[in-house]
N, C-alpha and C. Protein backbone atom coordinates (compact mmCIF):
# COMPACT_ATOMS: atom_id res chain seq x y z
N UNK A 1 202.89 113.75 171.44
CA UNK A 1 203.91 113.34 171.84
C UNK A 1 204.93 113.02 170.51
N UNK A 2 205.02 112.93 169.40
CA UNK A 2 205.96 112.41 168.42
C UNK A 2 206.22 114.05 167.89
N UNK A 3 205.31 114.99 168.16
CA UNK A 3 205.72 116.59 167.47
C UNK A 3 206.52 117.66 168.56
N UNK A 4 205.93 116.48 169.43
CA UNK A 4 207.29 117.30 170.65
C UNK A 4 208.11 116.77 171.51
N UNK A 5 208.44 115.64 170.41
CA UNK A 5 209.81 114.84 171.04
C UNK A 5 210.64 114.45 169.86
N UNK A 6 209.82 114.28 169.08
CA UNK A 6 211.28 113.54 167.96
C UNK A 6 210.84 114.51 166.43
N UNK A 7 210.04 115.63 166.36
CA UNK A 7 209.75 116.49 164.99
C UNK A 7 211.13 117.04 165.33
N UNK A 8 211.58 117.19 163.84
CA UNK A 8 213.18 117.70 163.38
C UNK A 8 214.03 117.01 163.89
N UNK A 9 213.93 115.82 164.86
CA UNK A 9 215.27 115.25 164.64
C UNK A 9 215.71 114.19 163.62
N UNK A 10 215.09 114.01 162.94
CA UNK A 10 214.98 112.67 161.62
C UNK A 10 214.20 113.15 160.60
N UNK A 11 214.74 111.79 159.73
CA UNK A 11 213.67 112.09 158.40
C UNK A 11 213.69 110.49 157.80
N UNK A 12 212.79 110.85 156.72
CA UNK A 12 213.23 109.25 156.46
C UNK A 12 213.03 109.22 154.38
N UNK A 13 213.49 108.00 154.11
CA UNK A 13 213.87 108.55 152.74
C UNK A 13 213.74 106.53 152.20
N UNK A 14 212.72 106.71 150.76
CA UNK A 14 212.21 105.64 150.29
C UNK A 14 213.46 105.09 149.24
N UNK A 15 214.31 104.05 148.82
CA UNK A 15 214.63 103.76 148.40
C UNK A 15 214.19 102.81 147.37
N UNK A 16 214.99 102.25 146.15
CA UNK A 16 214.59 101.76 144.90
C UNK A 16 215.58 100.83 144.99
N UNK A 17 215.78 99.98 146.07
CA UNK A 17 216.18 98.95 146.31
C UNK A 17 216.01 97.80 147.31
N UNK A 18 216.69 96.81 146.93
CA UNK A 18 216.29 95.30 148.10
C UNK A 18 216.68 95.43 149.10
N UNK A 19 216.10 94.97 149.99
CA UNK A 19 216.58 95.03 151.48
C UNK A 19 217.93 95.13 151.67
N UNK A 20 218.76 93.89 151.36
CA UNK A 20 220.23 93.59 151.02
C UNK A 20 220.85 94.95 150.60
N UNK A 21 220.41 95.12 149.59
CA UNK A 21 221.21 96.25 148.32
C UNK A 21 221.31 97.60 149.36
N UNK A 22 220.12 97.84 150.17
CA UNK A 22 219.99 99.20 150.91
C UNK A 22 220.88 99.19 152.12
N UNK A 23 220.53 97.56 152.88
CA UNK A 23 221.38 97.77 153.95
C UNK A 23 222.98 98.16 153.77
N UNK A 24 223.59 97.45 152.61
CA UNK A 24 224.83 97.30 152.19
C UNK A 24 225.07 99.07 151.95
N UNK A 25 224.04 100.13 151.40
CA UNK A 25 224.42 101.31 151.19
C UNK A 25 223.99 102.18 152.52
N UNK A 26 223.37 101.78 153.94
CA UNK A 26 223.79 102.31 154.50
C UNK A 26 224.69 102.17 155.83
N UNK A 27 225.34 101.04 155.33
CA UNK A 27 226.00 100.55 156.47
C UNK A 27 227.58 101.55 156.75
N UNK A 28 227.91 102.54 155.51
CA UNK A 28 228.80 103.49 156.79
C UNK A 28 228.73 104.39 157.23
N UNK A 29 227.11 104.33 157.76
CA UNK A 29 226.45 105.68 158.63
C UNK A 29 226.48 105.04 160.04
N UNK A 30 226.66 103.49 160.08
CA UNK A 30 226.78 102.85 161.26
C UNK A 30 224.94 103.20 161.94
N UNK A 31 224.89 103.78 163.06
CA UNK A 31 223.63 103.67 163.95
C UNK A 31 222.82 105.27 163.66
N UNK A 32 223.30 105.81 162.56
CA UNK A 32 222.85 107.14 162.09
C UNK A 32 221.73 106.68 160.83
N UNK A 33 221.64 105.79 160.41
CA UNK A 33 220.67 105.36 159.38
C UNK A 33 220.32 103.98 159.77
N UNK A 34 218.97 103.34 159.86
CA UNK A 34 218.25 102.42 160.37
C UNK A 34 217.47 101.91 159.47
N UNK A 35 217.04 100.66 158.57
CA UNK A 35 216.14 100.12 157.53
C UNK A 35 214.77 100.66 158.61
N UNK A 36 213.84 101.34 158.43
CA UNK A 36 212.59 101.55 158.55
C UNK A 36 211.38 100.64 158.71
N UNK A 37 211.37 100.64 156.93
CA UNK A 37 210.09 99.72 156.46
C UNK A 37 210.73 98.83 155.30
N UNK A 38 210.37 97.28 154.85
CA UNK A 38 210.27 96.92 153.68
C UNK A 38 209.10 96.77 153.50
N UNK A 39 208.89 97.67 151.93
CA UNK A 39 207.85 97.64 151.39
C UNK A 39 207.43 96.59 150.24
N UNK A 40 208.52 95.88 149.79
CA UNK A 40 208.61 95.10 148.34
C UNK A 40 209.78 94.55 148.63
N UNK A 41 209.96 93.67 146.69
CA UNK A 41 211.28 93.01 146.55
C UNK A 41 212.29 94.27 146.41
N UNK A 42 211.72 95.60 145.64
CA UNK A 42 212.35 96.83 145.37
C UNK A 42 212.12 97.66 146.21
N UNK A 43 212.03 97.96 146.99
CA UNK A 43 211.45 98.92 148.04
C UNK A 43 211.67 99.28 149.32
N UNK A 44 213.20 99.87 149.64
CA UNK A 44 213.31 99.58 151.26
C UNK A 44 212.97 101.59 151.60
N UNK A 45 212.32 101.56 153.10
CA UNK A 45 212.68 102.52 153.57
C UNK A 45 213.57 102.85 154.17
N UNK A 46 214.23 103.84 154.67
CA UNK A 46 215.56 104.41 155.97
C UNK A 46 215.16 105.69 156.46
N UNK A 47 215.29 105.34 157.94
CA UNK A 47 215.28 106.39 158.39
C UNK A 47 216.72 106.90 159.26
N UNK A 48 216.59 108.14 159.84
CA UNK A 48 217.95 108.57 160.88
C UNK A 48 217.35 110.10 160.51
N UNK A 49 219.34 109.87 161.16
CA UNK A 49 219.42 111.64 161.27
C UNK A 49 219.50 112.30 159.93
N UNK A 50 218.95 113.86 159.68
CA UNK A 50 218.67 114.48 158.28
C UNK A 50 219.91 114.65 157.75
N UNK A 51 221.28 114.48 158.56
CA UNK A 51 222.38 115.54 157.42
C UNK A 51 223.13 113.87 157.03
N UNK A 52 222.67 113.17 157.84
CA UNK A 52 223.12 111.63 156.95
C UNK A 52 222.45 111.10 156.22
N UNK A 53 221.12 111.19 156.25
CA UNK A 53 220.06 111.15 155.05
C UNK A 53 220.33 111.91 153.82
N UNK A 54 221.12 113.05 154.13
CA UNK A 54 220.78 114.13 152.55
C UNK A 54 222.51 113.70 152.23
N UNK A 55 223.30 113.26 152.66
CA UNK A 55 224.39 112.33 152.29
C UNK A 55 224.12 111.19 151.33
N UNK A 56 222.95 110.41 152.24
CA UNK A 56 222.44 108.99 151.60
C UNK A 56 221.89 108.93 150.04
N UNK A 57 221.23 110.30 150.25
CA UNK A 57 220.77 110.60 148.76
C UNK A 57 221.35 111.55 147.99
N UNK A 58 222.43 112.11 148.30
CA UNK A 58 223.43 112.63 147.64
C UNK A 58 223.88 111.76 146.52
N UNK A 59 224.39 110.55 147.38
CA UNK A 59 225.67 109.26 146.75
C UNK A 59 224.77 108.37 145.82
N UNK A 60 223.15 108.51 146.44
CA UNK A 60 222.16 107.67 145.75
C UNK A 60 222.17 108.16 144.08
N UNK A 61 221.80 109.61 144.06
CA UNK A 61 221.64 110.05 142.98
C UNK A 61 222.88 109.94 142.05
N UNK A 62 223.97 110.24 142.32
CA UNK A 62 225.52 110.00 141.78
C UNK A 62 225.91 108.76 141.06
N UNK A 63 224.82 107.51 141.92
CA UNK A 63 224.80 106.43 141.40
C UNK A 63 223.89 105.67 140.60
N UNK A 64 222.72 107.06 140.26
CA UNK A 64 221.63 106.80 139.46
C UNK A 64 220.66 106.22 140.06
N UNK A 65 220.58 105.78 141.49
CA UNK A 65 219.92 104.86 142.43
C UNK A 65 218.44 105.82 142.79
N UNK A 66 217.00 105.13 143.08
CA UNK A 66 216.15 106.20 142.89
C UNK A 66 216.42 106.26 144.86
N UNK A 67 216.15 107.73 145.01
CA UNK A 67 216.03 108.06 146.93
C UNK A 67 215.26 109.13 146.47
N UNK A 68 213.60 109.01 147.32
CA UNK A 68 212.90 109.83 147.62
C UNK A 68 213.00 110.61 149.21
N UNK A 69 212.98 111.29 149.43
CA UNK A 69 212.82 111.77 150.74
C UNK A 69 211.53 111.99 150.75
N UNK A 70 210.84 111.20 152.35
CA UNK A 70 209.59 111.26 152.76
C UNK A 70 209.45 112.51 153.64
N UNK A 71 207.94 113.52 153.14
CA UNK A 71 208.25 114.56 153.99
C UNK A 71 207.48 114.13 155.50
N UNK A 72 208.82 113.99 155.94
CA UNK A 72 208.07 113.86 157.67
C UNK A 72 209.46 114.30 158.23
N UNK A 73 209.42 114.86 159.46
CA UNK A 73 210.61 115.36 160.06
C UNK A 73 211.45 114.36 161.47
N UNK A 74 210.84 113.57 161.45
CA UNK A 74 211.34 112.22 162.40
C UNK A 74 211.58 111.00 162.22
N UNK A 75 212.15 110.27 162.36
CA UNK A 75 212.57 108.93 161.95
C UNK A 75 212.03 108.02 162.58
N UNK A 76 210.37 107.25 162.29
CA UNK A 76 209.90 106.51 162.77
C UNK A 76 210.64 105.15 162.95
N UNK A 77 210.23 104.12 163.81
CA UNK A 77 210.63 102.69 163.63
C UNK A 77 212.53 102.75 163.24
N UNK A 78 212.85 103.58 164.12
CA UNK A 78 214.04 103.32 164.48
C UNK A 78 214.68 103.62 166.38
N UNK A 79 215.69 103.44 166.50
CA UNK A 79 216.01 103.59 167.53
C UNK A 79 215.74 104.95 168.17
N UNK A 80 215.44 105.97 167.41
CA UNK A 80 214.62 107.41 168.09
C UNK A 80 213.82 107.61 169.18
N UNK A 81 212.94 106.09 168.24
CA UNK A 81 211.30 106.23 169.27
C UNK A 81 211.86 105.67 170.34
N UNK A 82 212.62 105.23 170.93
CA UNK A 82 213.29 104.07 172.10
C UNK A 82 213.04 105.92 173.39
N UNK A 83 213.03 106.93 172.65
CA UNK A 83 213.07 108.18 173.85
C UNK A 83 211.51 108.58 174.43
N UNK A 84 210.87 107.79 173.48
CA UNK A 84 209.68 108.28 174.05
C UNK A 84 208.53 107.00 174.18
N UNK A 85 209.01 106.02 174.54
CA UNK A 85 208.43 104.51 174.38
C UNK A 85 207.69 104.79 176.16
N UNK A 86 208.06 105.16 176.92
CA UNK A 86 207.15 105.35 178.29
C UNK A 86 205.93 106.26 177.87
N UNK A 87 206.41 107.25 177.59
CA UNK A 87 205.32 108.25 177.40
C UNK A 87 204.09 107.85 176.58
N UNK A 88 204.93 107.07 175.48
CA UNK A 88 203.78 107.04 174.55
C UNK A 88 202.69 105.64 175.29
N UNK A 89 203.34 104.98 176.42
CA UNK A 89 202.64 103.89 177.16
C UNK A 89 201.56 104.29 178.09
N UNK A 90 201.76 105.51 178.07
CA UNK A 90 200.96 106.08 179.49
C UNK A 90 200.20 106.96 178.56
N UNK A 91 200.39 107.22 177.30
CA UNK A 91 199.59 108.29 176.21
C UNK A 91 197.90 107.29 176.11
N UNK A 92 198.74 106.25 175.33
CA UNK A 92 197.67 104.83 175.72
C UNK A 92 197.28 103.95 176.24
N UNK A 93 197.98 104.17 177.52
CA UNK A 93 197.16 103.15 178.43
C UNK A 93 195.46 103.73 178.40
N UNK A 94 194.57 102.70 178.29
CA UNK A 94 193.35 102.41 178.58
C UNK A 94 193.07 102.01 177.14
N UNK A 95 193.90 101.96 176.22
CA UNK A 95 192.83 101.58 174.64
C UNK A 95 192.80 99.92 175.05
N UNK A 96 191.19 99.77 174.14
CA UNK A 96 190.31 98.32 174.73
C UNK A 96 190.33 98.20 173.59
N UNK A 97 191.29 97.46 172.98
CA UNK A 97 190.78 96.76 171.55
C UNK A 97 189.91 95.60 171.56
N UNK A 98 189.33 95.15 170.92
CA UNK A 98 188.40 93.79 170.59
C UNK A 98 188.82 92.97 169.31
N UNK A 99 188.32 91.87 169.28
CA UNK A 99 188.43 91.29 168.10
C UNK A 99 187.86 91.63 167.17
N UNK A 100 188.22 92.00 165.83
CA UNK A 100 187.66 92.27 164.54
C UNK A 100 186.87 91.49 163.89
N UNK A 101 185.73 92.24 162.67
CA UNK A 101 185.16 91.04 162.25
C UNK A 101 185.71 90.79 160.78
N UNK A 102 186.65 91.18 160.48
CA UNK A 102 187.61 90.84 159.18
C UNK A 102 188.78 91.01 159.67
N UNK A 103 189.70 90.01 158.96
CA UNK A 103 190.96 89.30 159.60
C UNK A 103 192.20 90.38 159.70
N UNK A 104 193.03 90.90 160.04
CA UNK A 104 194.03 91.65 160.35
C UNK A 104 195.23 90.81 160.23
N UNK A 105 195.60 91.53 159.19
CA UNK A 105 197.50 91.03 158.43
C UNK A 105 198.47 91.93 159.35
N UNK A 106 198.65 92.16 160.14
CA UNK A 106 200.00 93.07 161.29
C UNK A 106 201.15 93.29 160.31
N UNK A 107 201.78 94.70 159.63
CA UNK A 107 202.80 94.55 159.42
C UNK A 107 203.92 94.49 160.14
N UNK A 108 203.39 94.76 161.80
CA UNK A 108 204.49 94.45 162.82
C UNK A 108 204.87 92.90 162.66
N UNK A 109 203.72 91.79 162.94
CA UNK A 109 204.32 90.33 163.10
C UNK A 109 204.50 89.88 161.44
N UNK A 110 203.79 90.46 160.03
CA UNK A 110 203.85 90.06 159.24
C UNK A 110 202.88 88.90 158.67
N UNK A 111 201.66 88.49 159.80
CA UNK A 111 200.82 87.77 159.84
C UNK A 111 199.67 87.92 160.31
N UNK A 112 197.96 87.09 160.42
CA UNK A 112 197.20 87.42 161.12
C UNK A 112 197.20 87.58 162.44
N UNK A 113 196.98 88.14 163.16
CA UNK A 113 196.76 88.23 164.63
C UNK A 113 195.35 89.25 165.21
N UNK A 114 194.88 88.65 166.23
CA UNK A 114 193.56 88.73 167.03
C UNK A 114 193.70 90.04 167.03
N UNK A 115 193.11 90.75 166.87
CA UNK A 115 192.94 92.54 167.29
C UNK A 115 192.80 92.88 168.47
N UNK A 116 192.56 91.63 169.41
CA UNK A 116 192.05 92.19 170.65
C UNK A 116 193.48 92.14 170.90
N UNK A 117 194.59 91.86 170.63
CA UNK A 117 196.08 92.08 171.44
C UNK A 117 196.77 93.16 170.76
N UNK A 118 195.60 94.09 170.02
CA UNK A 118 196.18 95.42 169.57
C UNK A 118 196.01 96.42 170.92
N UNK A 119 196.81 96.39 171.66
CA UNK A 119 196.92 97.13 173.05
C UNK A 119 198.08 98.45 173.29
N UNK A 120 198.33 99.13 173.84
CA UNK A 120 199.07 100.24 174.04
C UNK A 120 200.12 99.75 173.48
N UNK A 121 201.02 98.60 174.13
CA UNK A 121 202.32 98.00 174.18
C UNK A 121 202.77 97.41 172.21
N UNK A 122 201.39 97.05 172.06
CA UNK A 122 201.64 96.98 170.40
C UNK A 122 201.51 97.80 169.92
N UNK A 123 201.00 98.97 169.74
CA UNK A 123 201.18 100.19 169.09
C UNK A 123 202.41 101.03 169.41
N UNK A 124 202.84 100.93 170.27
CA UNK A 124 204.29 101.56 170.87
C UNK A 124 205.04 100.39 169.98
N UNK A 125 205.22 99.36 169.52
CA UNK A 125 206.02 98.10 168.57
C UNK A 125 206.15 98.80 167.49
N UNK A 126 204.76 98.95 166.82
CA UNK A 126 204.48 99.43 165.32
C UNK A 126 204.81 100.88 164.91
N UNK A 127 205.28 101.75 165.99
CA UNK A 127 206.00 103.15 165.60
C UNK A 127 207.62 102.28 165.71
N UNK A 128 207.77 101.77 166.54
CA UNK A 128 209.36 101.60 167.00
C UNK A 128 209.83 100.59 166.13
N UNK A 129 209.39 99.39 165.76
CA UNK A 129 210.09 98.28 164.88
C UNK A 129 209.50 98.73 163.40
N UNK A 130 210.19 97.42 162.81
CA UNK A 130 210.70 97.46 161.60
C UNK A 130 209.19 97.43 160.50
N UNK A 131 208.80 98.37 159.64
CA UNK A 131 207.63 97.80 159.14
C UNK A 131 207.65 96.89 157.80
N UNK A 132 206.79 95.72 157.98
CA UNK A 132 206.86 94.34 157.48
C UNK A 132 206.11 94.31 156.55
N UNK A 133 205.67 95.39 155.62
CA UNK A 133 204.59 95.42 154.41
C UNK A 133 205.07 93.90 153.40
N UNK A 134 206.28 94.30 152.74
CA UNK A 134 206.81 93.30 152.02
C UNK A 134 206.46 92.12 152.30
N UNK A 135 206.30 91.53 154.00
CA UNK A 135 206.29 89.89 154.10
C UNK A 135 204.52 90.06 154.19
N UNK A 136 203.89 91.17 154.85
CA UNK A 136 202.79 90.95 155.32
C UNK A 136 202.03 90.47 153.34
N UNK A 137 202.62 90.90 152.74
CA UNK A 137 201.79 90.98 151.57
C UNK A 137 201.94 89.50 150.71
N UNK A 138 203.40 88.94 150.73
CA UNK A 138 203.29 88.07 150.73
C UNK A 138 202.91 86.64 151.41
N UNK A 139 202.49 86.91 153.01
CA UNK A 139 201.50 86.28 153.64
C UNK A 139 200.45 86.26 153.18
N UNK A 140 199.59 87.21 152.80
CA UNK A 140 198.47 87.27 152.16
C UNK A 140 198.25 86.64 150.83
N UNK A 141 199.27 86.69 149.73
CA UNK A 141 199.16 86.02 148.49
C UNK A 141 199.54 84.38 148.66
N UNK A 142 199.84 84.20 150.13
CA UNK A 142 200.18 82.91 149.91
C UNK A 142 199.10 81.94 150.78
N UNK A 143 198.42 83.18 151.63
CA UNK A 143 197.21 82.16 152.03
C UNK A 143 195.62 82.28 151.14
N UNK A 144 196.25 83.11 149.36
CA UNK A 144 194.82 82.95 148.83
C UNK A 144 194.40 84.47 148.24
N UNK A 145 195.12 85.45 148.43
CA UNK A 145 194.23 86.80 148.49
C UNK A 145 195.04 87.28 147.10
N UNK A 146 194.40 87.45 146.27
CA UNK A 146 195.23 88.33 144.94
C UNK A 146 194.44 89.79 144.44
N UNK A 147 193.62 90.35 145.22
CA UNK A 147 192.66 91.46 144.97
C UNK A 147 193.30 92.67 145.85
N UNK A 148 193.91 93.48 145.66
CA UNK A 148 194.56 94.70 146.77
C UNK A 148 193.94 96.13 146.37
N UNK A 149 193.22 96.79 147.66
CA UNK A 149 192.98 97.76 146.92
C UNK A 149 193.82 99.02 148.03
N UNK A 150 194.53 99.84 147.60
CA UNK A 150 195.25 100.96 148.53
C UNK A 150 194.49 102.15 149.08
N UNK A 151 193.71 102.23 150.04
CA UNK A 151 192.84 103.21 150.64
C UNK A 151 193.63 104.16 151.07
N UNK A 152 194.23 105.30 150.17
CA UNK A 152 194.77 106.51 150.27
C UNK A 152 194.58 107.72 149.64
N UNK A 153 195.48 108.93 150.50
CA UNK A 153 195.26 109.35 149.52
C UNK A 153 195.93 110.11 147.89
N UNK A 154 196.71 108.57 147.75
CA UNK A 154 197.00 108.55 146.73
C UNK A 154 198.02 107.59 146.54
N UNK A 155 198.27 106.56 145.53
CA UNK A 155 198.98 105.36 145.79
C UNK A 155 199.71 105.20 145.77
N UNK A 156 201.23 104.62 146.83
CA UNK A 156 202.35 104.61 147.19
C UNK A 156 202.63 103.23 146.98
N UNK A 157 202.00 101.94 147.31
CA UNK A 157 202.44 101.33 147.66
C UNK A 157 202.00 100.09 146.85
N UNK A 158 200.77 100.45 145.70
CA UNK A 158 200.61 99.40 144.54
C UNK A 158 201.13 98.75 143.94
N UNK A 159 202.81 99.57 143.32
CA UNK A 159 203.79 98.97 142.69
C UNK A 159 204.33 98.01 143.75
N UNK A 160 204.54 98.36 144.88
CA UNK A 160 205.65 96.95 145.94
C UNK A 160 204.79 95.93 146.07
N UNK A 161 202.97 96.08 145.92
CA UNK A 161 202.75 94.71 146.06
C UNK A 161 202.67 94.12 144.76
N UNK A 162 202.72 94.69 143.35
CA UNK A 162 203.26 93.84 142.62
C UNK A 162 204.40 93.30 142.41
N UNK A 163 205.53 94.30 142.71
CA UNK A 163 206.99 93.78 142.98
C UNK A 163 206.85 92.69 143.52
N UNK A 164 206.19 92.41 144.80
CA UNK A 164 206.22 91.57 145.65
C UNK A 164 205.51 89.93 145.24
N UNK A 165 204.34 90.01 144.29
CA UNK A 165 203.98 89.19 144.02
C UNK A 165 204.68 88.77 142.66
N UNK A 166 205.46 89.47 142.20
CA UNK A 166 206.10 88.95 140.83
C UNK A 166 205.30 88.50 139.63
N UNK A 167 205.38 87.74 138.79
CA UNK A 167 204.93 87.16 137.36
C UNK A 167 204.38 86.16 137.67
N UNK A 168 204.78 85.34 138.68
CA UNK A 168 204.56 83.87 138.85
C UNK A 168 203.19 83.83 139.73
N UNK A 169 202.95 84.96 140.57
CA UNK A 169 201.59 85.24 141.03
C UNK A 169 201.24 86.55 141.49
N UNK A 170 200.63 86.72 139.96
CA UNK A 170 200.24 88.07 139.29
C UNK A 170 198.75 88.12 140.44
N UNK A 171 198.83 89.54 140.71
CA UNK A 171 197.79 89.92 141.95
C UNK A 171 197.08 91.67 140.87
N UNK A 172 195.36 91.94 141.09
CA UNK A 172 195.63 92.86 141.07
C UNK A 172 195.59 94.19 142.09
N UNK A 173 195.81 95.55 142.14
CA UNK A 173 196.01 96.60 142.76
C UNK A 173 194.76 97.60 141.81
N UNK A 174 194.30 98.26 143.15
CA UNK A 174 193.58 99.55 142.79
C UNK A 174 193.31 100.10 143.70
N UNK A 175 193.94 101.84 143.31
CA UNK A 175 193.83 102.96 144.52
C UNK A 175 192.67 103.26 144.66
N UNK A 176 192.50 104.66 145.45
CA UNK A 176 191.36 105.10 146.03
C UNK A 176 191.06 106.20 145.62
N UNK A 177 191.90 107.08 146.10
CA UNK A 177 191.91 108.59 145.64
C UNK A 177 193.48 108.95 145.34
N UNK A 178 193.84 109.84 144.69
CA UNK A 178 194.91 110.18 144.06
C UNK A 178 195.26 111.87 144.34
N UNK A 179 196.48 112.22 144.27
CA UNK A 179 197.18 113.58 144.61
C UNK A 179 196.51 114.47 143.59
N UNK A 180 196.00 115.64 144.01
CA UNK A 180 195.15 117.01 143.44
C UNK A 180 193.93 115.93 142.48
N UNK A 181 193.25 114.47 142.68
CA UNK A 181 192.37 114.04 142.27
C UNK A 181 191.75 113.48 143.17
N UNK A 182 191.12 113.87 144.48
CA UNK A 182 190.65 113.33 145.65
C UNK A 182 189.38 113.70 145.40
N UNK A 183 188.44 113.92 144.66
CA UNK A 183 186.97 114.14 144.84
C UNK A 183 186.57 112.62 144.73
N UNK A 184 184.93 113.08 144.53
CA UNK A 184 183.85 112.14 144.68
C UNK A 184 184.16 111.50 142.99
N UNK A 185 184.62 111.90 142.12
CA UNK A 185 184.41 111.12 140.45
C UNK A 185 186.01 110.41 140.86
N UNK A 186 186.51 110.75 140.98
CA UNK A 186 188.15 109.63 141.14
C UNK A 186 187.66 108.60 142.30
N UNK A 187 186.92 108.55 143.11
CA UNK A 187 186.58 107.80 143.91
C UNK A 187 185.86 106.63 143.33
N UNK A 188 184.75 107.30 142.48
CA UNK A 188 183.87 106.44 141.77
C UNK A 188 184.74 105.37 140.57
N UNK A 189 185.68 106.42 139.90
CA UNK A 189 186.15 106.04 139.06
C UNK A 189 187.35 104.04 139.69
N UNK A 190 187.73 104.75 140.40
CA UNK A 190 188.61 103.73 141.41
C UNK A 190 187.78 102.22 141.58
N UNK A 191 186.05 102.64 141.87
CA UNK A 191 185.36 101.81 142.44
C UNK A 191 185.02 101.29 140.83
N UNK A 192 184.84 101.77 139.73
CA UNK A 192 184.92 101.12 138.49
C UNK A 192 185.71 100.15 138.25
N UNK A 193 187.27 100.78 137.91
CA UNK A 193 188.29 100.34 138.31
C UNK A 193 188.38 98.99 138.83
N UNK A 194 187.88 98.80 139.87
CA UNK A 194 187.74 97.32 140.93
C UNK A 194 187.05 96.53 140.41
N UNK A 195 185.64 97.39 140.02
CA UNK A 195 184.39 96.41 139.61
C UNK A 195 185.16 95.54 137.90
N UNK A 196 185.79 96.45 137.50
CA UNK A 196 186.14 95.63 136.15
C UNK A 196 187.18 94.55 136.09
N UNK A 197 187.77 94.81 136.93
CA UNK A 197 188.65 93.85 137.67
C UNK A 197 188.47 92.63 138.21
N UNK A 198 187.02 92.55 138.43
CA UNK A 198 186.33 91.86 139.14
C UNK A 198 185.57 91.85 140.29
N UNK A 199 185.66 92.95 141.20
CA UNK A 199 185.55 92.96 142.42
C UNK A 199 183.97 93.23 142.54
N UNK A 200 183.38 92.77 143.62
CA UNK A 200 182.12 92.55 143.65
C UNK A 200 181.39 94.26 144.59
N UNK A 201 181.16 95.12 143.70
CA UNK A 201 180.99 96.58 144.27
C UNK A 201 179.43 96.36 145.00
N UNK A 202 179.17 97.41 145.94
CA UNK A 202 177.86 97.41 145.61
C UNK A 202 177.65 98.75 146.12
N UNK A 203 176.91 99.12 144.43
CA UNK A 203 176.67 100.22 144.24
C UNK A 203 175.19 101.18 144.94
N UNK A 204 174.56 100.27 144.91
CA UNK A 204 173.32 100.84 145.62
C UNK A 204 173.45 101.51 146.46
N UNK A 205 174.18 102.41 147.30
CA UNK A 205 174.52 103.23 148.51
C UNK A 205 174.86 105.01 147.02
N UNK A 206 175.18 104.69 146.18
CA UNK A 206 175.34 105.91 145.06
C UNK A 206 174.27 105.97 144.53
N UNK A 207 173.37 105.19 144.31
CA UNK A 207 172.02 105.35 143.23
C UNK A 207 170.96 104.63 144.03
N UNK A 208 170.81 105.31 145.16
CA UNK A 208 169.59 104.73 145.76
C UNK A 208 168.32 104.30 144.98
N UNK A 209 167.37 103.29 145.08
CA UNK A 209 166.53 103.57 144.43
C UNK A 209 166.70 103.02 142.68
N UNK A 210 167.74 102.55 142.69
CA UNK A 210 168.09 102.51 141.29
C UNK A 210 167.88 100.60 141.19
N UNK A 211 167.69 100.54 139.83
CA UNK A 211 168.00 98.71 139.70
C UNK A 211 168.56 97.99 138.84
N UNK A 212 168.79 96.97 138.78
CA UNK A 212 169.52 96.48 137.74
C UNK A 212 169.41 95.98 136.33
N UNK A 213 169.61 96.04 135.13
CA UNK A 213 168.53 95.65 133.86
C UNK A 213 169.77 95.12 133.63
N UNK A 214 169.42 93.99 132.83
CA UNK A 214 170.50 93.33 131.87
C UNK A 214 170.58 94.20 130.51
N UNK A 215 171.75 94.17 129.88
CA UNK A 215 172.64 94.57 128.86
C UNK A 215 171.59 93.92 127.62
């Protein structure tokens, strides 16, 4: 649905700015650009019309503000999604979520949610509403979590997690894979990094039949 209805009509840009400063910078564009995601204390994603984003990037570069275009050609988490709301609800009709065994902190609600409520309407809101990643991380830290693993093809949010935590609430973040370094060696290295940082790793699947010995 996104490819057929939204592709080519928008874009997204990551700004190295806190939300208030990002809002101030996009204000002249009115409805053409909106805040799409708040990833951290100094990381905000905006989305909107391609031409307006081109102007925004040029202005940021002139002012030496970090602005990086995200490789997508639609403006998710903006009013553009409204045009496909009804169709998405039809496509996702029949989704039958259940309560998860592992707690889930939603970046829509920025708090723990019962995953039995992740029905079609939730996923449409997930695509339409602003991504509240930073606030969700704040809630996780407040609830006592301090070790974060970014499971992705390349770590792009780990720095935002560190920024959100700040010096007063230090946390540990590790990735899983990296761009142009996505094989088993990279994944095992990431596991080793997590192990050194204090995470409990189950090595048995990698070394069947092995046993642990004292150094």
